[in-house]
Amino acid sequence: MKCARRRDAVVLALPRGGVPIAFEVAATLELPLDVFVVRHLGFPGHEEFAIGTLASGAVRVMDEGVIRMYHISPAQIADVTAMEQLELGRHEVVCAITPEPFYSVGLWYEDFAQVTDAEVYDLLSR
């Protein structure tokens, strides 16, 4: 593979669920493994329902359709963003596949079981 053993490449994983797959990719390509931290921005009062995503480097992507549909105020968005920005503070990108349409991460996995913190620490320490 073209990027195997490159000194200027690293495999980035989205914790927690992406770490096991990224570990295998990094091992196969003989590249270092690191994490790219992202936080979903949850709907106020129903935090599991994402209205957007916040990533390292102050990258924020919002679902404008959902925000309009549910009349989520700029103040609510600012509150959720500030809270998740605090969580991010406690961490050339190559994307092999960009699926279309991309509705959710879980739809693109055969097995999307939860990964524990202990499993992530174990794989990253290897």
C-alpha atoms as a PDB file:
ATOM      1  CA  MET A   1       0.000   0.000   0.000  1.00  0.00           C
ATOM      2  CA  LYS A   2       1.163   3.480  -0.850  1.00  0.00           C
ATOM      3  CA  CYS A   3       0.973   4.947   2.675  1.00  0.00           C
ATOM      4  CA  ALA A   4       2.398   1.941   4.539  1.00  0.00           C
ATOM      5  CA  ARG A   5       5.364   2.796   6.758  1.00  0.00           C
ATOM      6  CA  ARG A   6       5.337   6.472   5.753  1.00  0.00           C
ATOM      7  CA  ARG A   7       7.045   8.711   8.266  1.00  0.00           C
ATOM      8  CA  ASP A   8       4.576  11.553   7.641  1.00  0.00           C
ATOM      9  CA  ALA A   9       1.372   9.516   8.076  1.00  0.00           C
ATOM     10  CA  VAL A  10      -0.697   8.522  11.075  1.00  0.00           C
ATOM     11  CA  VAL A  11      -3.966   6.627  11.418  1.00  0.00           C
ATOM     12  CA  LEU A  12      -6.559   8.665  13.320  1.00  0.00           C
ATOM     13  CA  ALA A  13      -9.397   7.007  15.200  1.00  0.00           C
ATOM     14  CA  LEU A  14     -12.654   8.427  16.469  1.00  0.00           C
ATOM     15  CA  PRO A  15     -12.927   7.287  20.082  1.00  0.00           C
ATOM     16  CA  ARG A  16     -14.266   5.096  21.331  1.00  0.00           C
ATOM     17  CA  GLY A  17     -15.849   2.929  18.654  1.00  0.00           C
ATOM     18  CA  GLY A  18     -13.383   3.700  15.867  1.00  0.00           C
ATOM     19  CA  VAL A  19     -10.294   2.715  17.835  1.00  0.00           C
ATOM     20  CA  PRO A  20     -10.508  -1.084  17.298  1.00  0.00           C
ATOM     21  CA  ILE A  21     -10.805  -0.685  13.522  1.00  0.00           C
ATOM     22  CA  ALA A  22      -8.128   2.017  13.335  1.00  0.00           C
ATOM     23  CA  PHE A  23      -5.851  -0.205  15.433  1.00  0.00           C
ATOM     24  CA  GLU A  24      -6.072  -2.951  12.801  1.00  0.00           C
ATOM     25  CA  VAL A  25      -5.497  -0.459   9.958  1.00  0.00           C
ATOM     26  CA  ALA A  26      -2.479   1.046  11.739  1.00  0.00           C
ATOM     27  CA  ALA A  27      -1.029  -2.396  12.432  1.00  0.00           C
ATOM     28  CA  THR A  28      -1.503  -3.481   8.814  1.00  0.00           C
ATOM     29  CA  LEU A  29       0.061  -0.299   7.430  1.00  0.00           C
ATOM     30  CA  GLU A  30       2.732  -0.205  10.143  1.00  0.00           C
ATOM     31  CA  LEU A  31       1.754   3.359  11.038  1.00  0.00           C
ATOM     32  CA  PRO A  32       1.279   5.086  14.389  1.00  0.00           C
ATOM     33  CA  LEU A  33      -2.221   5.319  15.835  1.00  0.00           C
ATOM     34  CA  ASP A  34      -3.727   8.409  17.426  1.00  0.00           C
ATOM     35  CA  VAL A  35      -7.205   9.727  18.143  1.00  0.00           C
ATOM     36  CA  PHE A  36      -9.165  12.588  16.583  1.00  0.00           C
ATOM     37  CA  VAL A  37     -11.524  13.772  19.241  1.00  0.00           C
ATOM     38  CA  VAL A  38     -15.047  14.807  18.276  1.00  0.00           C
ATOM     39  CA  ARG A  39     -18.152  15.470  20.325  1.00  0.00           C
ATOM     40  CA  HIS A  40     -21.688  15.398  19.085  1.00  0.00           C
ATOM     41  CA  LEU A  41     -23.789  18.410  19.981  1.00  0.00           C
ATOM     42  CA  GLY A  42     -26.956  17.052  21.521  1.00  0.00           C
ATOM     43  CA  PHE A  43     -30.481  18.369  21.229  1.00  0.00           C
ATOM     44  CA  PRO A  44     -31.282  20.281  24.450  1.00  0.00           C
ATOM     45  CA  GLY A  45     -33.062  17.875  26.776  1.00  0.00           C
ATOM     46  CA  HIS A  46     -32.454  14.895  24.473  1.00  0.00           C
ATOM     47  CA  GLU A  47     -28.667  14.829  24.285  1.00  0.00           C
ATOM     48  CA  GLU A  48     -28.403  11.546  22.359  1.00  0.00           C
ATOM     49  CA  PHE A  49     -30.071  13.204  19.345  1.00  0.00           C
ATOM     50  CA  ALA A  50     -27.269  15.060  17.569  1.00  0.00           C
ATOM     51  CA  ILE A  51     -27.873  18.507  16.104  1.00  0.00           C
ATOM     52  CA  GLY A  52     -24.239  18.895  15.107  1.00  0.00           C
ATOM     53  CA  THR A  53     -20.643  17.898  15.745  1.00  0.00           C
ATOM     54  CA  LEU A  54     -17.686  19.647  17.326  1.00  0.00           C
ATOM     55  CA  ALA A  55     -14.128  18.532  16.553  1.00  0.00           C
ATOM     56  CA  SER A  56     -10.592  19.378  17.582  1.00  0.00           C
ATOM     57  CA  GLY A  57      -9.429  22.657  16.109  1.00  0.00           C
ATOM     58  CA  ALA A  58     -12.769  24.411  16.737  1.00  0.00           C
ATOM     59  CA  VAL A  59     -14.436  22.687  13.772  1.00  0.00           C
ATOM     60  CA  ARG A  60     -18.222  22.732  14.133  1.00  0.00           C
ATOM     61  CA  VAL A  61     -20.754  21.245  11.705  1.00  0.00           C
ATOM     62  CA  MET A  62     -24.446  21.818  12.390  1.00  0.00           C
ATOM     63  CA  ASP A  63     -27.608  20.172  11.056  1.00  0.00           C
ATOM     64  CA  GLU A  64     -29.350  23.380  10.001  1.00  0.00           C
ATOM     65  CA  GLY A  65     -32.528  21.539   8.980  1.00  0.00           C
ATOM     66  CA  VAL A  66     -32.997  20.062  12.450  1.00  0.00           C
ATOM     67  CA  ILE A  67     -32.174  23.393  14.087  1.00  0.00           C
ATOM     68  CA  ARG A  68     -34.838  25.176  12.023  1.00  0.00           C
ATOM     69  CA  MET A  69     -37.405  22.393  12.411  1.00  0.00           C
ATOM     70  CA  TYR A  70     -37.157  22.364  16.212  1.00  0.00           C
ATOM     71  CA  HIS A  71     -36.556  26.108  16.641  1.00  0.00           C
ATOM     72  CA  ILE A  72     -33.304  25.639  18.537  1.00  0.00           C
ATOM     73  CA  SER A  73     -32.089  29.064  19.549  1.00  0.00           C
ATOM     74  CA  PRO A  74     -28.576  30.434  19.028  1.00  0.00           C
ATOM     75  CA  ALA A  75     -28.275  30.655  22.820  1.00  0.00           C
ATOM     76  CA  GLN A  76     -29.083  26.936  23.188  1.00  0.00           C
ATOM     77  CA  ILE A  77     -26.536  26.089  20.492  1.00  0.00           C
ATOM     78  CA  ALA A  78     -23.921  28.255  22.216  1.00  0.00           C
ATOM     79  CA  ASP A  79     -24.598  26.526  25.569  1.00  0.00           C
ATOM     80  CA  VAL A  80     -24.292  23.026  24.092  1.00  0.00           C
ATOM     81  CA  THR A  81     -21.167  24.020  22.124  1.00  0.00           C
ATOM     82  CA  ALA A  82     -19.496  25.532  25.213  1.00  0.00           C
ATOM     83  CA  MET A  83     -20.205  22.417  27.272  1.00  0.00           C
ATOM     84  CA  GLU A  84     -18.829  20.059  24.625  1.00  0.00           C
ATOM     85  CA  GLN A  85     -15.825  22.337  23.996  1.00  0.00           C
ATOM     86  CA  LEU A  86     -14.892  21.812  27.642  1.00  0.00           C
ATOM     87  CA  GLU A  87     -15.078  18.042  27.080  1.00  0.00           C
ATOM     88  CA  LEU A  88     -12.799  18.304  24.055  1.00  0.00           C
ATOM     89  CA  GLY A  89     -10.239  20.068  26.208  1.00  0.00           C
ATOM     90  CA  ARG A  90      -9.882  17.017  28.599  1.00  0.00           C
ATOM     91  CA  HIS A  91      -7.487  15.958  22.887  1.00  0.00           C
ATOM     92  CA  GLU A  92      -2.501  15.654   6.161  1.00  0.00           C
ATOM     93  CA  VAL A  93      -5.874  13.642   7.145  1.00  0.00           C
ATOM     94  CA  VAL A  94      -6.552  10.759   4.739  1.00  0.00           C
ATOM     95  CA  CYS A  95     -10.115   9.474   4.541  1.00  0.00           C
ATOM     96  CA  ALA A  96     -10.267   6.048   2.920  1.00  0.00           C
ATOM     97  CA  ILE A  97     -14.003   6.196   2.253  1.00  0.00           C
ATOM     98  CA  THR A  98     -16.553   8.981   2.406  1.00  0.00           C
ATOM     99  CA  PRO A  99     -19.876   7.148   2.157  1.00  0.00           C
ATOM    100  CA  GLU A 100     -22.807   8.863   0.452  1.00  0.00           C
ATOM    101  CA  PRO A 101     -25.280   9.509   1.803  1.00  0.00           C
ATOM    102  CA  PHE A 102     -23.800   9.639   5.305  1.00  0.00           C
ATOM    103  CA  TYR A 103     -26.608   9.497   7.859  1.00  0.00           C
ATOM    104  CA  SER A 104     -24.787   8.002  10.849  1.00  0.00           C
ATOM    105  CA  VAL A 105     -21.636   6.099  11.719  1.00  0.00           C
ATOM    106  CA  GLY A 106     -23.550   3.050  12.918  1.00  0.00           C
ATOM    107  CA  LEU A 107     -25.140   2.413   9.537  1.00  0.00           C
ATOM    108  CA  TRP A 108     -21.744   1.659   7.997  1.00  0.00           C
ATOM    109  CA  TYR A 109     -20.713  -1.059  10.466  1.00  0.00           C
ATOM    110  CA  GLU A 110     -21.709  -4.685  10.454  1.00  0.00           C
ATOM    111  CA  ASP A 111     -21.136  -4.772  14.242  1.00  0.00           C
ATOM    112  CA  PHE A 112     -21.512  -1.423  16.037  1.00  0.00           C
ATOM    113  CA  ALA A 113     -21.236  -2.708  19.614  1.00  0.00           C
ATOM    114  CA  GLN A 114     -20.076  -0.276  22.291  1.00  0.00           C
ATOM    115  CA  VAL A 115     -16.339  -0.157  22.992  1.00  0.00           C
ATOM    116  CA  THR A 116     -15.236   0.325  26.598  1.00  0.00           C
ATOM    117  CA  ASP A 117     -12.677   2.843  27.794  1.00  0.00           C
ATOM    118  CA  ALA A 118     -10.508  -0.075  28.927  1.00  0.00           C
ATOM    119  CA  GLU A 119     -10.469  -1.542  25.388  1.00  0.00           C
ATOM    120  CA  VAL A 120      -9.464   1.834  23.943  1.00  0.00           C
ATOM    121  CA  TYR A 121      -6.646   2.303  26.466  1.00  0.00           C
ATOM    122  CA  ASP A 122      -5.404  -1.217  25.759  1.00  0.00           C
ATOM    123  CA  LEU A 123      -5.324  -0.729  21.975  1.00  0.00           C
ATOM    124  CA  LEU A 124      -3.727   2.720  22.165  1.00  0.00           C
ATOM    125  CA  SER A 125      -1.052   1.495  24.556  1.00  0.00           C
ATOM    126  CA  ARG A 126      -0.040  -1.238  22.097  1.00  0.00           C
END
